[in-house]
Amino acid sequence: MYIPELDRIVLKDSKSQRPFASTSTCRKAVITTRILQLIHELCLKRIHVTKRDLFYTDVKLFEVSTQPTISCSSICG
């Protein structure tokens, strides 16, 4: 979500639940958690990266280059 006063894009204020009924939903939770971990590290270091850079930080987990994009979109809006 964009905040014009800060001229910044921030994480949206929402909640989501993921059932752990199958391996695919568990995998989505792991990917979301990893993306949040990477975003936190980047914020602490005050650096910017692309979604492509996020993909290459953990290729085995993400498997396809669109996965970080999908996860970032669900997190950031």
C-alpha atoms as a PDB file:
ATOM      1  CA  MET A   1       0.000   0.000   0.000  1.00  0.00           C
ATOM      2  CA  TYR A   2       1.377   3.422  -0.956  1.00  0.00           C
ATOM      3  CA  ILE A   3       1.462   6.181   1.671  1.00  0.00           C
ATOM      4  CA  PRO A   4       1.868   9.536  -0.104  1.00  0.00           C
ATOM      5  CA  GLU A   5       2.887  11.427   3.078  1.00  0.00           C
ATOM      6  CA  LEU A   6       5.909   9.139   3.419  1.00  0.00           C
ATOM      7  CA  ASP A   7       6.367   8.632  -0.331  1.00  0.00           C
ATOM      8  CA  ARG A   8       6.739   4.958   0.498  1.00  0.00           C
ATOM      9  CA  ILE A   9       5.149   1.592  -0.144  1.00  0.00           C
ATOM     10  CA  VAL A  10       4.451  -0.303   3.076  1.00  0.00           C
ATOM     11  CA  LEU A  11       3.085  -3.702   4.004  1.00  0.00           C
ATOM     12  CA  LYS A  12      -0.677  -3.786   4.067  1.00  0.00           C
ATOM     13  CA  ASP A  13      -2.583  -4.186   7.304  1.00  0.00           C
ATOM     14  CA  SER A  14      -4.312  -7.532   6.911  1.00  0.00           C
ATOM     15  CA  LYS A  15      -4.437 -11.009   8.348  1.00  0.00           C
ATOM     16  CA  SER A  16      -4.548 -14.338   6.606  1.00  0.00           C
ATOM     17  CA  GLN A  17      -4.882 -17.894   7.794  1.00  0.00           C
ATOM     18  CA  ARG A  18      -3.468 -20.988   6.202  1.00  0.00           C
ATOM     19  CA  PRO A  19      -4.753 -24.428   7.068  1.00  0.00           C
ATOM     20  CA  PHE A  20      -2.076 -27.107   7.393  1.00  0.00           C
ATOM     21  CA  ALA A  21      -4.220 -29.831   5.880  1.00  0.00           C
ATOM     22  CA  SER A  22      -1.899 -30.636   2.997  1.00  0.00           C
ATOM     23  CA  THR A  23       1.729 -30.296   1.986  1.00  0.00           C
ATOM     24  CA  SER A  24       0.904 -27.586  -0.566  1.00  0.00           C
ATOM     25  CA  THR A  25      -0.570 -25.267   2.090  1.00  0.00           C
ATOM     26  CA  CYS A  26       2.377 -25.970   4.396  1.00  0.00           C
ATOM     27  CA  ARG A  27       4.737 -25.109   1.546  1.00  0.00           C
ATOM     28  CA  LYS A  28       2.952 -21.793   0.975  1.00  0.00           C
ATOM     29  CA  ALA A  29       3.330 -20.968   4.669  1.00  0.00           C
ATOM     30  CA  VAL A  30       7.048 -21.777   4.545  1.00  0.00           C
ATOM     31  CA  ILE A  31       7.524 -19.593   1.459  1.00  0.00           C
ATOM     32  CA  THR A  32       5.589 -16.710   3.032  1.00  0.00           C
ATOM     33  CA  THR A  33       7.647 -17.008   6.220  1.00  0.00           C
ATOM     34  CA  ARG A  34      10.908 -17.038   4.238  1.00  0.00           C
ATOM     35  CA  ILE A  35       9.861 -13.958   2.236  1.00  0.00           C
ATOM     36  CA  LEU A  36       9.010 -12.128   5.474  1.00  0.00           C
ATOM     37  CA  GLN A  37      12.373 -13.153   6.937  1.00  0.00           C
ATOM     38  CA  LEU A  38      14.204 -11.817   3.874  1.00  0.00           C
ATOM     39  CA  ILE A  39      12.225  -8.562   3.931  1.00  0.00           C
ATOM     40  CA  HIS A  40      13.042  -8.122   7.616  1.00  0.00           C
ATOM     41  CA  GLU A  41      16.766  -8.645   6.971  1.00  0.00           C
ATOM     42  CA  LEU A  42      16.663  -6.154   4.093  1.00  0.00           C
ATOM     43  CA  CYS A  43      14.927  -3.563   6.259  1.00  0.00           C
ATOM     44  CA  LEU A  44      17.540  -3.977   8.987  1.00  0.00           C
ATOM     45  CA  LYS A  45      20.339  -3.559   6.444  1.00  0.00           C
ATOM     46  CA  ARG A  46      18.439  -0.707   4.753  1.00  0.00           C
ATOM     47  CA  ILE A  47      19.016  -2.087   1.256  1.00  0.00           C
ATOM     48  CA  HIS A  48      16.745  -2.599  -1.718  1.00  0.00           C
ATOM     49  CA  VAL A  49      16.510  -5.698  -3.901  1.00  0.00           C
ATOM     50  CA  THR A  50      14.313  -6.899  -6.733  1.00  0.00           C
ATOM     51  CA  LYS A  51      11.939  -9.851  -6.595  1.00  0.00           C
ATOM     52  CA  ARG A  52      14.422 -11.630  -8.823  1.00  0.00           C
ATOM     53  CA  ASP A  53      17.122 -11.106  -6.185  1.00  0.00           C
ATOM     54  CA  LEU A  54      14.792 -12.642  -3.595  1.00  0.00           C
ATOM     55  CA  PHE A  55      14.334 -15.688  -5.830  1.00  0.00           C
ATOM     56  CA  TYR A  56      18.081 -16.261  -6.089  1.00  0.00           C
ATOM     57  CA  THR A  57      18.524 -16.168  -2.302  1.00  0.00           C
ATOM     58  CA  ASP A  58      16.745 -19.528  -2.000  1.00  0.00           C
ATOM     59  CA  VAL A  59      16.293 -21.175  -5.405  1.00  0.00           C
ATOM     60  CA  LYS A  60      15.609 -24.629  -3.955  1.00  0.00           C
ATOM     61  CA  LEU A  61      12.715 -23.344  -1.867  1.00  0.00           C
ATOM     62  CA  PHE A  62      11.113 -21.100  -4.468  1.00  0.00           C
ATOM     63  CA  GLU A  63      11.623 -23.547  -7.403  1.00  0.00           C
ATOM     64  CA  VAL A  64      10.169 -21.155  -9.995  1.00  0.00           C
ATOM     65  CA  SER A  65      11.033 -17.473 -10.362  1.00  0.00           C
ATOM     66  CA  THR A  66       7.387 -16.390 -10.088  1.00  0.00           C
ATOM     67  CA  GLN A  67       7.017 -17.748  -6.543  1.00  0.00           C
ATOM     68  CA  PRO A  68       8.597 -14.743  -4.743  1.00  0.00           C
ATOM     69  CA  THR A  69       6.490 -12.416  -6.898  1.00  0.00           C
ATOM     70  CA  ILE A  70       3.273 -14.221  -5.938  1.00  0.00           C
ATOM     71  CA  SER A  71       4.260 -14.300  -2.257  1.00  0.00           C
ATOM     72  CA  CYS A  72       5.328 -10.651  -2.197  1.00  0.00           C
ATOM     73  CA  SER A  73       2.082  -9.667  -3.838  1.00  0.00           C
ATOM     74  CA  SER A  74       0.046 -11.546  -1.241  1.00  0.00           C
ATOM     75  CA  ILE A  75       2.063  -9.950   1.565  1.00  0.00           C
ATOM     76  CA  CYS A  76       2.377  -6.415   0.225  1.00  0.00           C
ATOM     77  CA  GLY A  77      -0.871  -6.099  -1.629  1.00  0.00           C
END
